[in-house]
């Protein structure tokens, strides 16, 4: 059972159509390096200042837009830039000008140039690093305590 269908695709030297269009050429995709990927990630994280966390320089209170401030009636999702100028720190009553931007909440800590080093640990957020450290300590303590069960 052989078929005599002749399916041929145009080669790069052949025109695409009979109208004399330009020949088909392959398109080279730019190679993305890890450094370029880290810079793109940093640019994406820095692009939305409305979602960044702000910290009070007086007392260390951290305003998280995802949480809002329930006791002041500020709903969740309200960016710091959307707060009125009369906003005061709920802890020490410092004015809005006393707050400094500390970046996105889920941003990996450290410099963007170093995100690709350290077996992937540098891409973890501070909360994930805390869980990793204390989880490792609990696991090590469990292993040490398990030695008492050996006879």
N, C-alpha and C. Protein backbone atom coordinates (compact mmCIF):
# COMPACT_ATOMS: atom_id res chain seq x y z
N UNK A 1 0.83 -1.18 0.00
CA UNK A 1 0.00 0.00 0.00
C UNK A 1 0.87 1.23 0.00
N UNK A 2 1.22 1.64 -1.11
CA UNK A 2 1.98 2.87 -1.19
C UNK A 2 1.12 3.94 -1.80
N UNK A 3 1.29 5.11 -1.32
CA UNK A 3 0.53 6.22 -1.86
C UNK A 3 1.45 7.09 -2.67
N UNK A 4 0.92 7.68 -3.66
CA UNK A 4 1.72 8.52 -4.54
C UNK A 4 1.52 9.99 -4.26
N UNK A 5 1.25 10.29 -3.02
CA UNK A 5 1.08 11.70 -2.65
C UNK A 5 2.44 12.35 -2.56
N UNK A 6 2.57 13.48 -3.12
CA UNK A 6 3.83 14.19 -3.08
C UNK A 6 3.67 15.42 -2.20
N UNK A 7 4.04 15.26 -0.95
CA UNK A 7 3.97 16.37 -0.02
C UNK A 7 5.35 16.99 0.08
N UNK A 8 5.51 18.11 -0.50
CA UNK A 8 6.82 18.76 -0.42
C UNK A 8 6.62 20.12 0.22
N UNK A 9 7.56 20.46 1.05
CA UNK A 9 7.52 21.77 1.68
C UNK A 9 8.53 22.66 0.99
N UNK A 10 8.26 23.92 0.93
CA UNK A 10 9.22 24.81 0.27
C UNK A 10 10.54 24.85 1.04
N UNK A 11 11.60 24.85 0.32
CA UNK A 11 12.92 24.95 0.94
C UNK A 11 13.25 26.42 1.08
N UNK A 12 14.25 26.73 1.85
CA UNK A 12 14.59 28.15 2.02
C UNK A 12 14.94 28.85 0.72
N UNK A 13 15.36 28.11 -0.29
CA UNK A 13 15.73 28.75 -1.55
C UNK A 13 14.51 29.01 -2.42
N UNK A 14 13.42 28.28 -2.16
CA UNK A 14 12.22 28.45 -2.97
C UNK A 14 11.37 29.59 -2.42
N UNK A 15 10.68 30.31 -3.29
CA UNK A 15 9.77 31.33 -2.79
C UNK A 15 8.59 30.69 -2.08
N UNK A 16 7.96 31.44 -1.15
CA UNK A 16 6.83 30.94 -0.39
C UNK A 16 5.59 30.81 -1.27
N UNK A 17 5.40 31.68 -2.20
CA UNK A 17 4.25 31.63 -3.08
C UNK A 17 4.69 32.01 -4.48
N UNK A 18 3.77 31.89 -5.39
CA UNK A 18 4.10 32.19 -6.79
C UNK A 18 4.18 33.69 -7.04
N UNK A 19 3.88 34.50 -6.02
CA UNK A 19 3.92 35.95 -6.20
C UNK A 19 5.32 36.51 -6.01
N UNK A 20 6.26 35.63 -5.70
CA UNK A 20 7.63 36.10 -5.53
C UNK A 20 7.91 36.62 -4.15
N UNK A 21 7.25 36.05 -3.12
CA UNK A 21 7.48 36.47 -1.75
C UNK A 21 8.88 36.06 -1.31
N UNK A 22 9.31 36.62 -0.23
CA UNK A 22 10.65 36.34 0.30
C UNK A 22 10.76 34.88 0.70
N UNK A 23 11.93 34.30 0.57
CA UNK A 23 12.10 32.90 0.95
C UNK A 23 11.92 32.70 2.45
N UNK A 24 11.54 31.50 2.82
CA UNK A 24 11.35 31.16 4.22
C UNK A 24 12.71 30.92 4.84
N UNK A 25 12.96 31.57 5.92
CA UNK A 25 14.23 31.38 6.62
C UNK A 25 13.93 31.00 8.06
N UNK A 26 14.83 30.30 8.67
CA UNK A 26 14.63 29.93 10.06
C UNK A 26 14.95 31.12 10.95
N UNK A 27 14.21 31.23 12.03
CA UNK A 27 14.37 32.34 12.95
C UNK A 27 15.14 31.83 14.17
N UNK A 28 16.21 32.48 14.49
CA UNK A 28 17.00 32.11 15.66
C UNK A 28 16.41 32.81 16.88
N UNK A 29 16.10 32.03 17.90
CA UNK A 29 15.61 32.61 19.14
C UNK A 29 16.80 33.05 19.98
N UNK A 30 16.68 34.17 20.63
CA UNK A 30 17.80 34.59 21.47
C UNK A 30 17.94 33.65 22.66
N UNK A 31 19.15 33.35 23.01
CA UNK A 31 19.40 32.45 24.13
C UNK A 31 19.30 33.24 25.42
N UNK A 32 18.48 32.74 26.33
CA UNK A 32 18.26 33.43 27.60
C UNK A 32 19.21 32.84 28.63
N UNK A 33 20.03 33.68 29.18
CA UNK A 33 20.97 33.23 30.21
C UNK A 33 20.32 33.36 31.58
N UNK A 34 20.93 32.74 32.55
CA UNK A 34 20.39 32.83 33.91
C UNK A 34 20.44 34.26 34.45
N UNK A 35 21.47 34.99 34.07
CA UNK A 35 21.58 36.37 34.53
C UNK A 35 20.45 37.22 33.95
N UNK A 36 20.13 37.00 32.66
CA UNK A 36 19.03 37.73 32.03
C UNK A 36 17.70 37.34 32.66
N UNK A 37 17.57 36.06 33.01
CA UNK A 37 16.34 35.60 33.67
C UNK A 37 16.19 36.24 35.04
N UNK A 38 17.29 36.36 35.78
CA UNK A 38 17.25 36.98 37.11
C UNK A 38 16.90 38.46 37.00
N UNK A 39 17.46 39.14 35.99
CA UNK A 39 17.14 40.56 35.80
C UNK A 39 15.68 40.75 35.42
N UNK A 40 15.15 39.85 34.57
CA UNK A 40 13.74 39.93 34.19
C UNK A 40 12.84 39.71 35.39
N UNK A 41 13.23 38.76 36.26
CA UNK A 41 12.44 38.49 37.46
C UNK A 41 12.46 39.69 38.39
N UNK A 42 13.63 40.31 38.54
CA UNK A 42 13.74 41.49 39.39
C UNK A 42 12.92 42.64 38.83
N UNK A 43 12.95 42.82 37.51
CA UNK A 43 12.17 43.88 36.89
C UNK A 43 10.68 43.67 37.06
N UNK A 44 10.25 42.40 36.98
CA UNK A 44 8.84 42.09 37.15
C UNK A 44 8.41 42.36 38.59
N UNK A 45 9.27 42.01 39.55
CA UNK A 45 8.92 42.23 40.95
C UNK A 45 8.89 43.71 41.30
N UNK A 46 9.76 44.51 40.68
CA UNK A 46 9.84 45.92 40.99
C UNK A 46 8.83 46.76 40.22
N UNK A 47 8.11 46.14 39.26
CA UNK A 47 7.26 46.91 38.36
C UNK A 47 5.98 47.42 39.02
N UNK A 48 5.50 46.81 40.08
CA UNK A 48 4.24 47.19 40.69
C UNK A 48 4.47 47.72 42.11
N UNK A 49 4.75 49.02 42.26
CA UNK A 49 5.02 49.53 43.61
C UNK A 49 3.79 49.53 44.51
N UNK A 50 2.60 49.36 43.97
CA UNK A 50 1.40 49.31 44.80
C UNK A 50 1.35 48.07 45.66
N UNK A 51 2.03 47.01 45.25
CA UNK A 51 2.03 45.77 46.01
C UNK A 51 3.22 45.62 46.93
N UNK A 52 4.07 46.63 47.02
CA UNK A 52 5.26 46.55 47.85
C UNK A 52 4.93 46.75 49.33
N UNK A 53 5.77 46.19 50.17
CA UNK A 53 5.65 46.39 51.61
C UNK A 53 6.37 47.67 52.01
N UNK A 54 5.89 48.30 53.06
CA UNK A 54 6.51 49.51 53.59
C UNK A 54 6.71 49.32 55.09
N UNK A 55 7.84 49.81 55.59
CA UNK A 55 8.19 49.62 56.98
C UNK A 55 8.35 50.97 57.67
N UNK A 56 7.82 51.07 58.88
CA UNK A 56 7.95 52.29 59.67
C UNK A 56 9.37 52.37 60.22
N UNK A 57 10.04 53.47 59.97
CA UNK A 57 11.42 53.65 60.45
C UNK A 57 11.47 53.85 61.96
N UNK A 58 10.37 54.26 62.57
CA UNK A 58 10.37 54.52 64.01
C UNK A 58 10.24 53.25 64.84
N UNK A 59 9.31 52.38 64.46
CA UNK A 59 9.04 51.21 65.31
C UNK A 59 9.24 49.86 64.61
N UNK A 60 9.38 49.86 63.29
CA UNK A 60 9.59 48.61 62.58
C UNK A 60 8.32 47.93 62.11
N UNK A 61 7.15 48.58 62.31
CA UNK A 61 5.89 48.00 61.83
C UNK A 61 5.95 47.90 60.31
N UNK A 62 5.46 46.81 59.79
CA UNK A 62 5.49 46.58 58.34
C UNK A 62 4.07 46.57 57.78
N UNK A 63 3.81 47.49 56.86
CA UNK A 63 2.49 47.54 56.21
C UNK A 63 2.52 46.61 55.01
N UNK A 64 1.66 45.61 55.01
CA UNK A 64 1.54 44.66 53.90
C UNK A 64 0.23 44.94 53.18
N UNK A 65 0.27 45.33 51.90
CA UNK A 65 -0.96 45.64 51.18
C UNK A 65 -1.93 44.46 51.10
N UNK A 66 -1.42 43.25 51.08
CA UNK A 66 -2.29 42.08 51.00
C UNK A 66 -3.10 41.88 52.27
N UNK A 67 -2.63 42.43 53.38
CA UNK A 67 -3.31 42.26 54.66
C UNK A 67 -4.16 43.47 55.05
N UNK A 68 -3.73 44.67 54.67
CA UNK A 68 -4.44 45.87 55.10
C UNK A 68 -4.27 46.09 56.59
N UNK A 69 -5.10 46.96 57.16
CA UNK A 69 -5.08 47.21 58.61
C UNK A 69 -6.53 47.21 59.07
N UNK A 70 -6.94 46.11 59.69
CA UNK A 70 -8.35 45.95 60.08
C UNK A 70 -8.78 46.98 61.13
N UNK A 71 -7.90 47.26 62.10
CA UNK A 71 -8.32 48.17 63.18
C UNK A 71 -8.44 49.62 62.71
N UNK A 72 -7.84 49.96 61.56
CA UNK A 72 -8.00 51.29 61.00
C UNK A 72 -9.02 51.33 59.86
N UNK A 73 -9.60 50.18 59.55
CA UNK A 73 -10.61 50.11 58.49
C UNK A 73 -10.04 50.13 57.09
N UNK A 74 -8.77 49.76 56.93
CA UNK A 74 -8.15 49.72 55.60
C UNK A 74 -8.30 48.31 55.06
N UNK A 75 -9.04 48.15 53.96
CA UNK A 75 -9.30 46.80 53.45
C UNK A 75 -8.05 46.16 52.85
N UNK A 76 -8.11 44.84 52.72
CA UNK A 76 -7.03 44.09 52.09
C UNK A 76 -6.86 44.51 50.64
N UNK A 77 -5.63 44.50 50.18
CA UNK A 77 -5.35 44.85 48.79
C UNK A 77 -5.15 46.33 48.55
N UNK A 78 -5.20 47.13 49.59
CA UNK A 78 -4.98 48.57 49.44
C UNK A 78 -3.48 48.85 49.43
N UNK A 79 -2.99 49.37 48.32
CA UNK A 79 -1.58 49.70 48.21
C UNK A 79 -1.21 50.87 49.09
N UNK A 80 0.06 50.95 49.47
CA UNK A 80 0.52 52.01 50.36
C UNK A 80 0.36 53.38 49.71
N UNK A 81 0.56 53.44 48.40
CA UNK A 81 0.44 54.72 47.70
C UNK A 81 -1.01 55.20 47.66
N UNK A 82 -1.96 54.27 47.83
CA UNK A 82 -3.38 54.63 47.82
C UNK A 82 -3.88 55.10 49.18
N UNK A 83 -3.05 54.97 50.21
CA UNK A 83 -3.45 55.42 51.55
C UNK A 83 -3.47 56.94 51.59
N UNK A 84 -4.35 57.52 52.40
CA UNK A 84 -4.38 58.98 52.50
C UNK A 84 -3.12 59.51 53.18
N UNK A 85 -2.79 60.76 52.94
CA UNK A 85 -1.60 61.37 53.56
C UNK A 85 -1.74 61.49 55.07
N UNK A 86 -2.97 61.39 55.57
CA UNK A 86 -3.19 61.47 57.01
C UNK A 86 -2.99 60.12 57.70
N UNK A 87 -2.56 59.08 56.97
CA UNK A 87 -2.34 57.75 57.53
C UNK A 87 -1.25 57.81 58.60
N UNK A 88 -1.52 57.18 59.73
CA UNK A 88 -0.55 57.11 60.82
C UNK A 88 -0.24 55.65 61.12
N UNK A 89 0.98 55.38 61.55
CA UNK A 89 1.39 54.03 61.91
C UNK A 89 0.48 53.51 63.03
N UNK A 90 -0.10 52.32 62.88
CA UNK A 90 -1.01 51.82 63.92
C UNK A 90 -0.29 51.48 65.23
N UNK A 91 1.03 51.41 65.25
CA UNK A 91 1.76 51.06 66.46
C UNK A 91 2.26 52.30 67.19
N UNK A 92 3.02 53.16 66.45
CA UNK A 92 3.66 54.31 67.12
C UNK A 92 3.09 55.65 66.69
N UNK A 93 2.10 55.66 65.83
CA UNK A 93 1.41 56.87 65.37
C UNK A 93 2.33 57.81 64.57
N UNK A 94 3.36 57.28 63.93
CA UNK A 94 4.23 58.09 63.06
C UNK A 94 3.50 58.38 61.76
N UNK A 95 3.81 59.50 61.11
CA UNK A 95 3.13 59.85 59.86
C UNK A 95 3.56 58.93 58.70
N UNK A 96 2.85 59.04 57.61
CA UNK A 96 3.11 58.22 56.42
C UNK A 96 4.51 58.46 55.88
N UNK A 97 5.05 59.65 56.07
CA UNK A 97 6.39 59.99 55.59
C UNK A 97 7.48 59.21 56.31
N UNK A 98 7.17 58.62 57.47
CA UNK A 98 8.15 57.86 58.23
C UNK A 98 8.32 56.44 57.69
N UNK A 99 7.53 56.06 56.71
CA UNK A 99 7.60 54.72 56.15
C UNK A 99 8.57 54.70 54.97
N UNK A 100 9.28 53.61 54.82
CA UNK A 100 10.21 53.42 53.72
C UNK A 100 9.84 52.12 53.01
N UNK A 101 9.91 52.15 51.67
CA UNK A 101 9.57 50.97 50.89
C UNK A 101 10.63 49.89 51.03
N UNK A 102 10.20 48.66 51.29
CA UNK A 102 11.13 47.54 51.42
C UNK A 102 10.95 46.51 50.31
N UNK A 103 10.10 46.79 49.34
CA UNK A 103 9.94 45.91 48.19
C UNK A 103 8.79 44.95 48.34
N UNK A 104 8.62 44.08 47.35
CA UNK A 104 7.52 43.12 47.38
C UNK A 104 7.67 42.13 48.53
N UNK A 105 6.54 41.62 48.98
CA UNK A 105 6.53 40.71 50.13
C UNK A 105 7.19 39.38 49.77
N UNK A 106 6.92 38.85 48.61
CA UNK A 106 7.43 37.54 48.24
C UNK A 106 8.68 37.61 47.38
N UNK A 107 9.44 38.65 47.54
CA UNK A 107 10.67 38.83 46.77
C UNK A 107 11.81 38.04 47.41
N UNK A 108 12.60 37.36 46.60
CA UNK A 108 13.77 36.69 47.18
C UNK A 108 14.71 37.71 47.80
N UNK A 109 15.27 37.37 48.94
CA UNK A 109 16.17 38.31 49.60
C UNK A 109 17.54 38.25 48.96
N UNK A 110 18.25 39.33 49.03
CA UNK A 110 19.60 39.39 48.48
C UNK A 110 19.65 40.14 47.17
N UNK A 111 20.84 40.16 46.57
CA UNK A 111 21.05 40.86 45.33
C UNK A 111 20.58 40.02 44.15
N UNK A 112 20.05 40.67 43.11
CA UNK A 112 19.55 39.93 41.96
C UNK A 112 20.67 39.22 41.22
N UNK A 113 21.91 39.71 41.31
CA UNK A 113 23.03 39.05 40.63
C UNK A 113 23.33 37.70 41.27
N UNK A 114 22.96 37.51 42.53
CA UNK A 114 23.30 36.28 43.25
C UNK A 114 22.17 35.26 43.28
N UNK A 115 21.07 35.50 42.59
CA UNK A 115 19.93 34.60 42.66
C UNK A 115 20.22 33.23 42.08
N UNK A 116 21.19 33.11 41.20
CA UNK A 116 21.46 31.83 40.53
C UNK A 116 22.49 30.99 41.26
N UNK A 117 23.02 31.44 42.37
CA UNK A 117 24.01 30.69 43.11
C UNK A 117 23.38 30.05 44.33
N UNK A 118 24.04 29.09 44.91
CA UNK A 118 23.60 28.53 46.18
C UNK A 118 22.58 27.43 46.07
N UNK A 119 22.65 26.58 45.06
CA UNK A 119 21.76 25.42 44.90
C UNK A 119 20.28 25.81 44.92
N UNK A 120 19.95 26.99 44.46
CA UNK A 120 18.57 27.44 44.38
C UNK A 120 18.04 28.05 45.66
N UNK A 121 18.82 28.04 46.72
CA UNK A 121 18.36 28.58 48.00
C UNK A 121 18.23 30.10 47.93
N UNK A 122 19.01 30.75 47.09
CA UNK A 122 18.96 32.21 46.99
C UNK A 122 17.67 32.71 46.38
N UNK A 123 16.90 31.85 45.72
CA UNK A 123 15.62 32.25 45.14
C UNK A 123 14.47 32.14 46.14
N UNK A 124 14.74 31.63 47.33
CA UNK A 124 13.69 31.48 48.35
C UNK A 124 13.39 32.82 49.00
N UNK A 125 12.15 33.00 49.37
CA UNK A 125 11.76 34.20 50.10
C UNK A 125 12.22 34.07 51.55
N UNK A 126 12.26 35.16 52.30
CA UNK A 126 12.67 35.05 53.71
C UNK A 126 11.81 34.07 54.51
N UNK A 127 10.53 34.03 54.26
CA UNK A 127 9.66 33.09 54.97
C UNK A 127 9.99 31.64 54.64
N UNK A 128 10.29 31.37 53.38
CA UNK A 128 10.65 30.01 52.98
C UNK A 128 11.99 29.61 53.58
N UNK A 129 12.92 30.56 53.67
CA UNK A 129 14.21 30.25 54.29
C UNK A 129 14.04 29.94 55.77
N UNK A 130 13.15 30.66 56.44
CA UNK A 130 12.90 30.41 57.86
C UNK A 130 12.35 29.01 58.07
N UNK A 131 11.40 28.61 57.22
CA UNK A 131 10.83 27.27 57.32
C UNK A 131 11.89 26.22 57.06
N UNK A 132 12.76 26.45 56.09
CA UNK A 132 13.82 25.51 55.77
C UNK A 132 14.80 25.37 56.93
N UNK A 133 15.19 26.47 57.54
CA UNK A 133 16.15 26.42 58.65
C UNK A 133 15.55 25.73 59.87
N UNK A 134 14.37 26.18 60.32
CA UNK A 134 13.80 25.60 61.52
C UNK A 134 13.28 24.19 61.28
N UNK A 135 12.84 23.90 60.07
CA UNK A 135 12.45 22.53 59.74
C UNK A 135 13.64 21.59 59.80
N UNK A 136 14.79 22.07 59.32
CA UNK A 136 16.01 21.27 59.41
C UNK A 136 16.44 21.03 60.84
N UNK A 137 16.30 22.06 61.69
CA UNK A 137 16.64 21.90 63.10
C UNK A 137 15.72 20.90 63.80
N UNK A 138 14.44 20.95 63.50
CA UNK A 138 13.49 20.00 64.10
C UNK A 138 13.79 18.59 63.63
N UNK A 139 14.10 18.44 62.35
CA UNK A 139 14.43 17.12 61.81
C UNK A 139 15.72 16.58 62.45
N UNK A 140 16.71 17.42 62.62
CA UNK A 140 17.96 17.00 63.27
C UNK A 140 17.71 16.59 64.72
N UNK A 141 16.88 17.34 65.43
CA UNK A 141 16.54 16.99 66.82
C UNK A 141 15.80 15.66 66.88
N UNK A 142 14.91 15.42 65.91
CA UNK A 142 14.19 14.15 65.87
C UNK A 142 15.15 12.99 65.63
N UNK A 143 16.12 13.18 64.75
CA UNK A 143 17.11 12.14 64.50
C UNK A 143 17.95 11.87 65.75
N UNK A 144 18.37 12.93 66.44
CA UNK A 144 19.16 12.75 67.65
C UNK A 144 18.36 12.04 68.74
N UNK A 145 17.10 12.37 68.88
CA UNK A 145 16.26 11.70 69.88
C UNK A 145 15.99 10.26 69.51
N UNK A 146 16.01 9.96 68.22
CA UNK A 146 15.76 8.58 67.80
C UNK A 146 16.89 7.64 68.22
N UNK A 147 18.09 8.18 68.50
CA UNK A 147 19.18 7.35 68.96
C UNK A 147 18.88 6.73 70.32
N UNK A 148 18.02 7.34 71.14
CA UNK A 148 17.65 6.79 72.43
C UNK A 148 16.83 5.53 72.28
N UNK A 149 16.18 5.34 71.15
CA UNK A 149 15.36 4.15 70.95
C UNK A 149 16.20 2.93 70.55
N UNK A 150 17.47 3.12 70.22
CA UNK A 150 18.35 2.02 69.85
C UNK A 150 18.83 1.32 71.12
N UNK A 151 18.93 0.03 71.06
CA UNK A 151 19.41 -0.74 72.24
C UNK A 151 20.73 -1.36 71.93
